[in-house]
Structures are given as structure tokens and as C-alpha cells.
N, C-alpha and C. Protein backbone atom coordinates (compact mmCIF):
# COMPACT_ATOMS: atom_id res chain seq x y z
N UNK A 1 0.83 -1.19 0.00
CA UNK A 1 0.00 0.00 0.00
C UNK A 1 0.88 1.25 0.00
N UNK A 2 0.40 2.30 -0.61
CA UNK A 2 1.14 3.55 -0.68
C UNK A 2 0.85 4.48 0.48
N UNK A 3 0.07 4.04 1.45
CA UNK A 3 -0.35 4.96 2.51
C UNK A 3 0.81 5.45 3.38
N UNK A 4 1.93 4.74 3.41
CA UNK A 4 3.06 5.16 4.24
C UNK A 4 4.09 5.99 3.48
N UNK A 5 3.90 6.16 2.18
CA UNK A 5 4.86 6.91 1.38
C UNK A 5 4.62 8.41 1.53
N UNK A 6 5.72 9.19 1.43
CA UNK A 6 5.64 10.65 1.53
C UNK A 6 6.41 11.28 0.37
N UNK A 7 5.94 12.42 -0.08
CA UNK A 7 6.64 13.12 -1.16
C UNK A 7 7.88 13.82 -0.61
N UNK A 8 8.88 14.10 -1.47
CA UNK A 8 10.04 14.86 -1.00
C UNK A 8 9.63 16.21 -0.42
N UNK A 9 8.59 16.83 -0.98
CA UNK A 9 8.13 18.12 -0.46
C UNK A 9 7.69 17.99 1.00
N UNK A 10 7.07 16.85 1.36
CA UNK A 10 6.68 16.63 2.75
C UNK A 10 7.91 16.64 3.67
N UNK A 11 8.98 15.98 3.21
CA UNK A 11 10.21 15.95 4.01
C UNK A 11 10.84 17.34 4.09
N UNK A 12 10.90 18.03 2.95
CA UNK A 12 11.59 19.32 2.90
C UNK A 12 10.83 20.43 3.61
N UNK A 13 9.49 20.45 3.50
CA UNK A 13 8.73 21.50 4.18
C UNK A 13 8.76 21.33 5.69
N UNK A 14 8.96 20.11 6.17
CA UNK A 14 9.03 19.89 7.61
C UNK A 14 10.46 20.10 8.14
N UNK A 15 11.41 20.29 7.24
CA UNK A 15 12.80 20.48 7.63
C UNK A 15 13.04 21.94 8.03
N UNK A 16 13.92 22.14 8.98
CA UNK A 16 14.28 23.49 9.41
C UNK A 16 15.42 24.07 8.57
N UNK A 17 15.97 23.27 7.65
CA UNK A 17 17.14 23.72 6.89
C UNK A 17 16.84 23.98 5.42
N UNK A 18 15.61 23.74 4.99
CA UNK A 18 15.26 24.00 3.60
C UNK A 18 14.14 25.03 3.53
N UNK A 19 14.14 25.77 2.43
CA UNK A 19 13.11 26.78 2.21
C UNK A 19 12.61 26.66 0.77
N UNK A 20 11.31 26.65 0.61
CA UNK A 20 10.71 26.63 -0.72
C UNK A 20 10.77 28.05 -1.29
N UNK A 21 11.34 28.18 -2.48
CA UNK A 21 11.47 29.49 -3.11
C UNK A 21 10.30 29.77 -4.03
N UNK A 22 9.96 28.82 -4.88
CA UNK A 22 8.83 28.97 -5.81
C UNK A 22 8.29 27.57 -6.11
N UNK A 23 6.97 27.50 -6.36
CA UNK A 23 6.34 26.20 -6.66
C UNK A 23 5.26 26.39 -7.71
N UNK A 24 5.21 25.43 -8.61
CA UNK A 24 4.16 25.38 -9.62
C UNK A 24 3.56 23.97 -9.57
N UNK A 25 2.26 23.87 -9.48
CA UNK A 25 1.56 22.59 -9.53
C UNK A 25 0.66 22.60 -10.75
N UNK A 26 0.74 21.53 -11.53
CA UNK A 26 -0.09 21.45 -12.73
C UNK A 26 -1.30 20.56 -12.45
N UNK A 27 -2.29 20.63 -13.31
CA UNK A 27 -3.44 19.74 -13.15
C UNK A 27 -3.13 18.31 -13.58
N UNK A 28 -1.89 18.05 -13.99
CA UNK A 28 -1.50 16.73 -14.48
C UNK A 28 -0.70 15.94 -13.46
N UNK A 29 -0.99 16.11 -12.18
CA UNK A 29 -0.32 15.35 -11.12
C UNK A 29 1.20 15.52 -11.13
N UNK A 30 1.63 16.75 -11.36
CA UNK A 30 3.06 17.05 -11.30
C UNK A 30 3.26 18.40 -10.64
N UNK A 31 4.42 18.59 -10.05
CA UNK A 31 4.76 19.89 -9.47
C UNK A 31 6.23 20.16 -9.72
N UNK A 32 6.56 21.43 -9.78
CA UNK A 32 7.92 21.87 -9.98
C UNK A 32 8.22 22.88 -8.88
N UNK A 33 9.26 22.61 -8.11
CA UNK A 33 9.57 23.44 -6.95
C UNK A 33 11.06 23.76 -6.91
N UNK A 34 11.38 25.00 -6.59
CA UNK A 34 12.77 25.41 -6.34
C UNK A 34 12.95 25.48 -4.83
N UNK A 35 14.01 24.85 -4.34
CA UNK A 35 14.32 24.78 -2.91
C UNK A 35 15.69 25.37 -2.64
N UNK A 36 15.87 25.86 -1.44
CA UNK A 36 17.19 26.28 -0.95
C UNK A 36 17.47 25.50 0.33
N UNK A 37 18.64 24.89 0.37
CA UNK A 37 19.10 24.19 1.56
C UNK A 37 20.29 24.97 2.10
N UNK A 38 20.29 25.24 3.38
CA UNK A 38 21.34 26.06 4.00
C UNK A 38 22.63 25.31 4.26
N UNK A 39 22.75 24.12 3.71
CA UNK A 39 23.99 23.36 3.87
C UNK A 39 23.89 22.30 4.95
N UNK A 40 22.71 21.80 5.17
CA UNK A 40 22.49 20.78 6.20
C UNK A 40 22.07 19.46 5.56
N UNK A 41 22.32 18.38 6.29
CA UNK A 41 21.97 17.05 5.80
C UNK A 41 20.46 16.86 5.75
N UNK A 42 20.01 16.05 4.80
CA UNK A 42 18.59 15.76 4.60
C UNK A 42 18.44 14.28 4.27
N UNK A 43 17.35 13.68 4.73
CA UNK A 43 17.05 12.29 4.40
C UNK A 43 15.63 12.18 3.87
N UNK A 44 15.45 11.28 2.92
CA UNK A 44 14.13 10.97 2.36
C UNK A 44 13.91 9.47 2.54
N UNK A 45 12.70 9.10 2.93
CA UNK A 45 12.38 7.68 3.10
C UNK A 45 11.05 7.36 2.47
N UNK A 46 11.02 6.25 1.72
CA UNK A 46 9.77 5.75 1.13
C UNK A 46 9.04 6.85 0.36
N UNK A 47 9.67 7.33 -0.69
CA UNK A 47 9.11 8.45 -1.45
C UNK A 47 7.86 8.07 -2.23
N UNK A 48 6.91 8.97 -2.21
CA UNK A 48 5.67 8.84 -2.98
C UNK A 48 5.88 9.54 -4.32
N UNK A 49 5.61 8.86 -5.41
CA UNK A 49 5.80 9.44 -6.73
C UNK A 49 7.26 9.40 -7.14
N UNK A 50 7.55 9.99 -8.28
CA UNK A 50 8.90 10.00 -8.84
C UNK A 50 9.40 11.44 -8.84
N UNK A 51 10.64 11.62 -8.43
CA UNK A 51 11.20 12.96 -8.33
C UNK A 51 12.46 13.06 -9.19
N UNK A 52 12.49 14.10 -10.02
CA UNK A 52 13.64 14.42 -10.86
C UNK A 52 14.23 15.69 -10.27
N UNK A 53 15.46 15.62 -9.79
CA UNK A 53 16.08 16.71 -9.07
C UNK A 53 17.23 17.28 -9.88
N UNK A 54 17.39 18.61 -9.84
CA UNK A 54 18.42 19.28 -10.62
C UNK A 54 19.12 20.32 -9.75
N UNK A 55 20.45 20.27 -9.68
CA UNK A 55 21.22 21.23 -8.91
C UNK A 55 21.39 22.51 -9.73
N UNK A 56 20.81 23.59 -9.26
CA UNK A 56 20.83 24.87 -9.98
C UNK A 56 22.07 25.68 -9.62
N UNK A 57 22.34 25.80 -8.33
CA UNK A 57 23.40 26.69 -7.88
C UNK A 57 24.07 26.10 -6.64
N UNK A 58 25.37 26.19 -6.59
CA UNK A 58 26.18 25.74 -5.46
C UNK A 58 26.04 24.23 -5.29
N UNK A 59 26.17 23.75 -4.05
CA UNK A 59 26.07 22.32 -3.80
C UNK A 59 27.36 21.56 -4.00
N UNK A 60 28.45 22.28 -4.28
CA UNK A 60 29.72 21.58 -4.46
C UNK A 60 30.06 20.79 -3.21
N UNK A 61 30.42 19.55 -3.39
CA UNK A 61 30.76 18.70 -2.26
C UNK A 61 29.58 17.97 -1.66
N UNK A 62 28.37 18.30 -2.07
CA UNK A 62 27.22 17.54 -1.59
C UNK A 62 27.35 16.10 -2.09
N UNK A 63 26.88 15.17 -1.28
CA UNK A 63 26.98 13.76 -1.69
C UNK A 63 25.89 12.95 -1.02
N UNK A 64 25.65 11.82 -1.58
CA UNK A 64 24.70 10.87 -1.03
C UNK A 64 25.47 9.91 -0.14
N UNK A 65 25.00 9.69 1.06
CA UNK A 65 25.73 8.81 1.98
C UNK A 65 25.89 7.42 1.40
N UNK A 66 24.92 6.98 0.60
CA UNK A 66 24.97 5.66 -0.01
C UNK A 66 25.99 5.58 -1.15
N UNK A 67 26.50 6.73 -1.62
CA UNK A 67 27.44 6.78 -2.73
C UNK A 67 28.38 7.98 -2.51
N UNK A 68 29.22 7.94 -1.47
CA UNK A 68 29.99 9.12 -1.06
C UNK A 68 31.06 9.61 -2.03
N UNK A 69 31.45 8.80 -3.00
CA UNK A 69 32.49 9.23 -3.94
C UNK A 69 31.93 10.02 -5.12
N UNK A 70 30.63 10.03 -5.29
CA UNK A 70 29.98 10.73 -6.38
C UNK A 70 29.51 12.10 -5.85
N UNK A 71 30.16 13.19 -6.27
CA UNK A 71 29.90 14.51 -5.71
C UNK A 71 29.04 15.37 -6.62
N UNK A 72 28.27 16.25 -6.00
CA UNK A 72 27.37 17.15 -6.71
C UNK A 72 28.12 18.35 -7.26
N UNK A 73 27.48 18.99 -8.22
CA UNK A 73 27.90 20.29 -8.73
C UNK A 73 26.73 20.85 -9.51
N UNK A 74 26.71 22.17 -9.74
CA UNK A 74 25.61 22.75 -10.52
C UNK A 74 25.48 22.05 -11.87
N UNK A 75 24.24 21.78 -12.26
CA UNK A 75 23.97 21.11 -13.52
C UNK A 75 23.79 19.61 -13.42
N UNK A 76 24.16 19.03 -12.30
CA UNK A 76 23.97 17.59 -12.12
C UNK A 76 22.51 17.32 -11.75
N UNK A 77 22.03 16.12 -12.04
CA UNK A 77 20.65 15.77 -11.72
C UNK A 77 20.58 14.40 -11.05
N UNK A 78 19.49 14.18 -10.35
CA UNK A 78 19.23 12.91 -9.69
C UNK A 78 17.80 12.48 -10.01
N UNK A 79 17.57 11.19 -9.96
CA UNK A 79 16.23 10.64 -10.17
C UNK A 79 15.93 9.72 -9.00
N UNK A 80 14.78 9.97 -8.36
CA UNK A 80 14.34 9.16 -7.24
C UNK A 80 13.02 8.48 -7.60
N UNK A 81 13.04 7.19 -7.91
CA UNK A 81 11.79 6.51 -8.22
C UNK A 81 10.92 6.35 -6.97
N UNK A 82 9.65 6.14 -7.19
CA UNK A 82 8.74 5.94 -6.07
C UNK A 82 9.25 4.79 -5.18
N UNK A 83 9.15 5.01 -3.87
CA UNK A 83 9.57 4.01 -2.90
C UNK A 83 11.02 4.09 -2.49
N UNK A 84 11.82 4.94 -3.17
CA UNK A 84 13.24 5.01 -2.85
C UNK A 84 13.48 5.81 -1.57
N UNK A 85 14.66 5.63 -1.03
CA UNK A 85 15.10 6.34 0.18
C UNK A 85 16.54 6.78 -0.03
N UNK A 86 16.92 7.89 0.61
CA UNK A 86 18.30 8.36 0.48
C UNK A 86 18.64 9.32 1.61
N UNK A 87 19.94 9.37 1.91
CA UNK A 87 20.48 10.27 2.94
C UNK A 87 21.54 11.13 2.26
N UNK A 88 21.46 12.46 2.51
CA UNK A 88 22.31 13.42 1.83
C UNK A 88 23.15 14.22 2.80
N UNK A 89 24.41 14.45 2.42
CA UNK A 89 25.34 15.29 3.18
C UNK A 89 25.56 16.55 2.36
N UNK A 90 25.25 17.69 2.95
CA UNK A 90 25.46 18.99 2.28
C UNK A 90 26.36 19.84 3.17
N UNK A 91 27.52 20.21 2.65
CA UNK A 91 28.48 20.98 3.44
C UNK A 91 28.42 22.47 3.16
N UNK A 92 27.60 22.87 2.17
CA UNK A 92 27.45 24.29 1.86
C UNK A 92 26.04 24.52 1.31
N UNK A 93 25.58 25.77 1.32
CA UNK A 93 24.23 26.06 0.80
C UNK A 93 24.09 25.66 -0.66
N UNK A 94 22.88 25.33 -1.06
CA UNK A 94 22.60 24.97 -2.45
C UNK A 94 21.17 25.31 -2.82
N UNK A 95 20.94 25.50 -4.11
CA UNK A 95 19.61 25.73 -4.66
C UNK A 95 19.37 24.62 -5.67
N UNK A 96 18.21 23.97 -5.56
CA UNK A 96 17.90 22.85 -6.43
C UNK A 96 16.43 22.86 -6.81
N UNK A 97 16.12 22.12 -7.86
CA UNK A 97 14.76 22.06 -8.38
C UNK A 97 14.30 20.61 -8.32
N UNK A 98 13.04 20.42 -7.92
CA UNK A 98 12.41 19.10 -7.96
C UNK A 98 11.22 19.12 -8.91
N UNK A 99 11.23 18.24 -9.89
CA UNK A 99 10.04 17.95 -10.68
C UNK A 99 9.49 16.66 -10.10
N UNK A 100 8.30 16.74 -9.54
CA UNK A 100 7.69 15.60 -8.87
C UNK A 100 6.46 15.18 -9.67
N UNK A 101 6.40 13.89 -10.03
CA UNK A 101 5.30 13.37 -10.85
C UNK A 101 4.76 12.11 -10.19
N UNK A 102 3.44 12.03 -10.10
CA UNK A 102 2.82 10.85 -9.48
C UNK A 102 3.10 9.61 -10.32
N UNK A 103 3.09 8.47 -9.66
CA UNK A 103 3.31 7.20 -10.35
C UNK A 103 2.24 6.97 -11.42
N UNK A 104 1.00 7.28 -11.10
CA UNK A 104 -0.08 7.06 -12.08
C UNK A 104 0.11 7.94 -13.32
N UNK A 105 0.61 9.17 -13.14
CA UNK A 105 0.84 10.06 -14.29
C UNK A 105 2.01 9.56 -15.13
N UNK A 106 3.08 9.12 -14.49
CA UNK A 106 4.22 8.57 -15.23
C UNK A 106 3.75 7.39 -16.09
N UNK A 107 2.98 6.51 -15.49
CA UNK A 107 2.52 5.31 -16.21
C UNK A 107 1.53 5.67 -17.32
N UNK A 108 0.68 6.65 -17.08
CA UNK A 108 -0.25 7.09 -18.11
C UNK A 108 0.51 7.63 -19.31
N UNK A 109 1.52 8.45 -19.05
CA UNK A 109 2.33 9.01 -20.14
C UNK A 109 3.12 7.93 -20.87
N UNK A 110 3.59 6.95 -20.12
CA UNK A 110 4.35 5.85 -20.72
C UNK A 110 3.47 5.11 -21.73
N UNK A 111 2.26 4.78 -21.34
CA UNK A 111 1.33 4.10 -22.24
C UNK A 111 1.02 4.97 -23.45
N UNK A 112 0.78 6.24 -23.20
CA UNK A 112 0.44 7.17 -24.28
C UNK A 112 1.60 7.34 -25.28
N UNK A 113 2.82 7.40 -24.78
CA UNK A 113 3.98 7.65 -25.64
C UNK A 113 4.47 6.40 -26.35
N UNK A 114 4.44 5.27 -25.67
CA UNK A 114 5.08 4.07 -26.21
C UNK A 114 4.11 2.95 -26.57
N UNK A 115 2.85 3.08 -26.15
CA UNK A 115 1.84 2.06 -26.41
C UNK A 115 2.26 0.70 -25.84
N UNK A 116 2.86 0.71 -24.66
CA UNK A 116 3.22 -0.51 -23.94
C UNK A 116 2.41 -0.57 -22.65
N UNK A 117 2.37 -1.74 -22.08
CA UNK A 117 1.71 -1.93 -20.80
C UNK A 117 2.43 -1.08 -19.74
N UNK A 118 1.67 -0.38 -18.93
CA UNK A 118 2.24 0.51 -17.91
C UNK A 118 3.13 -0.23 -16.92
N UNK A 119 2.90 -1.51 -16.74
CA UNK A 119 3.74 -2.29 -15.81
C UNK A 119 5.17 -2.44 -16.31
N UNK A 120 5.40 -2.16 -17.59
CA UNK A 120 6.75 -2.24 -18.16
C UNK A 120 7.58 -0.98 -17.88
N UNK A 121 6.93 0.05 -17.39
CA UNK A 121 7.61 1.32 -17.11
C UNK A 121 8.50 1.17 -15.87
N UNK A 122 9.76 1.45 -16.02
CA UNK A 122 10.70 1.39 -14.91
C UNK A 122 11.54 2.67 -14.91
N UNK A 123 11.46 3.41 -13.84
CA UNK A 123 12.25 4.64 -13.70
C UNK A 123 13.52 4.29 -12.93
N UNK A 124 14.70 4.50 -13.52
CA UNK A 124 15.95 4.16 -12.83
C UNK A 124 16.31 5.19 -11.77
N UNK A 125 17.01 4.75 -10.75
CA UNK A 125 17.54 5.67 -9.75
C UNK A 125 18.89 6.17 -10.27
N UNK A 126 19.06 7.49 -10.27
CA UNK A 126 20.30 8.10 -10.77
C UNK A 126 20.77 9.12 -9.74
N UNK A 127 22.07 9.09 -9.45
CA UNK A 127 22.66 10.06 -8.54
C UNK A 127 23.71 10.87 -9.30
N UNK A 128 23.47 12.16 -9.42
CA UNK A 128 24.37 13.12 -10.05
C UNK A 128 24.70 12.75 -11.50
N UNK A 129 23.65 12.56 -12.29
CA UNK A 129 23.82 12.33 -13.71
C UNK A 129 24.36 13.58 -14.38
N UNK A 130 25.01 13.37 -15.50
CA UNK A 130 25.68 14.48 -16.20
C UNK A 130 25.50 14.31 -17.71
N UNK A 131 24.24 14.37 -18.17
CA UNK A 131 23.94 14.20 -19.59
C UNK A 131 23.41 15.52 -20.15
N UNK A 132 24.09 16.11 -21.13
CA UNK A 132 23.70 17.43 -21.65
C UNK A 132 22.24 17.53 -22.10
N UNK A 133 21.72 16.50 -22.76
CA UNK A 133 20.33 16.56 -23.24
C UNK A 133 19.35 16.74 -22.06
N UNK A 134 19.58 16.01 -21.01
CA UNK A 134 18.71 16.10 -19.83
C UNK A 134 18.94 17.42 -19.11
N UNK A 135 20.18 17.86 -18.99
CA UNK A 135 20.48 19.14 -18.35
C UNK A 135 19.79 20.28 -19.08
N UNK A 136 19.74 20.22 -20.41
CA UNK A 136 19.07 21.28 -21.18
C UNK A 136 17.58 21.30 -20.91
N UNK A 137 16.96 20.15 -20.75
CA UNK A 137 15.53 20.11 -20.42
C UNK A 137 15.30 20.75 -19.05
N UNK A 138 16.15 20.43 -18.09
CA UNK A 138 16.02 21.05 -16.76
C UNK A 138 16.20 22.57 -16.84
N UNK A 139 17.14 23.03 -17.63
CA UNK A 139 17.34 24.47 -17.78
C UNK A 139 16.10 25.14 -18.38
N UNK A 140 15.48 24.48 -19.35
CA UNK A 140 14.25 25.00 -19.94
C UNK A 140 13.11 25.02 -18.93
N UNK A 141 13.02 23.98 -18.11
CA UNK A 141 11.99 23.95 -17.06
C UNK A 141 12.19 25.11 -16.09
N UNK A 142 13.42 25.32 -15.70
CA UNK A 142 13.74 26.41 -14.77
C UNK A 142 13.33 27.76 -15.36
N UNK A 143 13.66 27.99 -16.62
CA UNK A 143 13.30 29.26 -17.28
C UNK A 143 11.79 29.40 -17.38
N UNK A 144 11.09 28.32 -17.68
CA UNK A 144 9.62 28.35 -17.79
C UNK A 144 8.97 28.66 -16.45
N UNK A 145 9.55 28.14 -15.39
CA UNK A 145 8.99 28.36 -14.06
C UNK A 145 8.99 29.85 -13.72
N UNK A 146 10.08 30.52 -14.01
CA UNK A 146 10.15 31.94 -13.69
C UNK A 146 9.38 32.82 -14.67
N UNK A 147 9.05 32.28 -15.84
CA UNK A 147 8.23 33.04 -16.78
C UNK A 147 6.74 32.80 -16.52
N UNK A 148 6.43 31.90 -15.60
CA UNK A 148 5.05 31.55 -15.24
C UNK A 148 4.26 31.05 -16.46
N UNK A 149 4.95 30.36 -17.35
CA UNK A 149 4.31 29.83 -18.56
C UNK A 149 3.94 28.37 -18.32
N UNK A 150 2.71 28.12 -17.90
CA UNK A 150 2.28 26.78 -17.53
C UNK A 150 2.29 25.82 -18.73
N UNK A 151 1.97 26.33 -19.93
CA UNK A 151 1.99 25.47 -21.10
C UNK A 151 3.41 24.97 -21.37
N UNK A 152 4.38 25.88 -21.35
CA UNK A 152 5.77 25.48 -21.59
C UNK A 152 6.27 24.53 -20.51
N UNK A 153 5.87 24.77 -19.27
CA UNK A 153 6.26 23.87 -18.20
C UNK A 153 5.77 22.46 -18.48
N UNK A 154 4.54 22.33 -18.85
CA UNK A 154 3.97 21.01 -19.11
C UNK A 154 4.66 20.33 -20.29
N UNK A 155 4.85 21.06 -21.37
CA UNK A 155 5.50 20.50 -22.56
C UNK A 155 6.93 20.09 -22.24
N UNK A 156 7.65 20.93 -21.55
CA UNK A 156 9.06 20.64 -21.26
C UNK A 156 9.22 19.51 -20.26
N UNK A 157 8.33 19.40 -19.29
CA UNK A 157 8.45 18.30 -18.33
C UNK A 157 8.21 16.97 -19.03
N UNK A 158 7.34 16.96 -20.04
CA UNK A 158 7.06 15.71 -20.76
C UNK A 158 8.26 15.23 -21.57
N UNK A 159 9.20 16.11 -21.89
CA UNK A 159 10.39 15.72 -22.64
C UNK A 159 11.29 14.79 -21.83
N UNK A 160 11.18 14.83 -20.51
CA UNK A 160 12.02 13.96 -19.68
C UNK A 160 11.61 12.50 -19.74
N UNK A 161 10.33 12.23 -19.91
CA UNK A 161 9.83 10.87 -19.75
C UNK A 161 10.37 9.87 -20.76
N UNK A 162 10.50 10.22 -22.05
CA UNK A 162 11.07 9.23 -22.98
C UNK A 162 12.52 8.86 -22.61
N UNK A 163 13.22 9.77 -21.98
CA UNK A 163 14.62 9.53 -21.62
C UNK A 163 14.72 8.51 -20.49
N UNK A 164 13.80 8.56 -19.53
CA UNK A 164 13.92 7.73 -18.34
C UNK A 164 13.09 6.45 -18.38
N UNK A 165 12.08 6.36 -19.21
CA UNK A 165 11.23 5.16 -19.24
C UNK A 165 11.84 4.07 -20.08
């Protein structure tokens, strides 16, 4: 059952070290949020939905406790599939973006885009990916968020799904 799962936003809004800067929620079971962390450790457990995270500014030296040799830097991204857990060490302030999409929406889009059974959809867990095509999509999402263009946000967020499914 999904009743025990929590979204990353639930963890971050209850944290004393993170602050929500801007948030956009679409009618398509997705949200895009910019967060600031003052350089403190954060943990996520049993995540609800799928979260695509992008380091916008700072964060040098940030790392995942489960993978301490892989270090963050601006432009790197992470993917947290539903049900995943992670512990993070942040030694300096950072600004990051979360695109959060419900499992049902991911699967609906998967069927619509690929005409496959939704049970075949598998979102991989990625820590500090460094792929220019994906980084460009995140940059476009970031620009759309500040322009308050909901249509562009929706179109640009959908560009991520063929890459990860």
C-alpha cells in the first residue's frame, strides 16, 4: 500500500534547513519546486511518486551517503523513483529544483507515448547524472517556471519521460 509513502516536499517543508522558493503545480499530477538548503543534511524515506532533481546553484561537495564518492555540482541531476530512500550530506548552501510526478501520471504518459503496458515502465535511480540533453531540459523547465508559462512547463516536463522510461 502507498499509505506510508511521503513526497520529497513533505520531508523538505518539515525540515528546518530547507526553504521553498517557488512552486508550480499542474493539473496533471506534477509539481515543480525550487528549494534552498542552507547546507544541512537531509534524508528521504519511502518516497511517494517519482522525483527528478536538478542542482541549480552551489552544492559543491554535496553527496549521497549511499554513494559518497559521487559529488554534486551545478547542472547535475538525480532521479528518485517511487519508494526510494536516500540520505544526503550537504556541506554548503545549495539551490535545487524538484520535478515531482505521481506514479499514475508517469505510467499514463508511458502508455500514451510508447503504447506498452504501464507495468513495463521502470524509472531508474540516478545520482548526479551528467547528460547534456537532460540538463538542457532542466534548464528550460527552470526558465519556464520563472516566466510563469504553464503550457511550456507542461510540454518541457514531458520531454524527460522518454529519456527515463
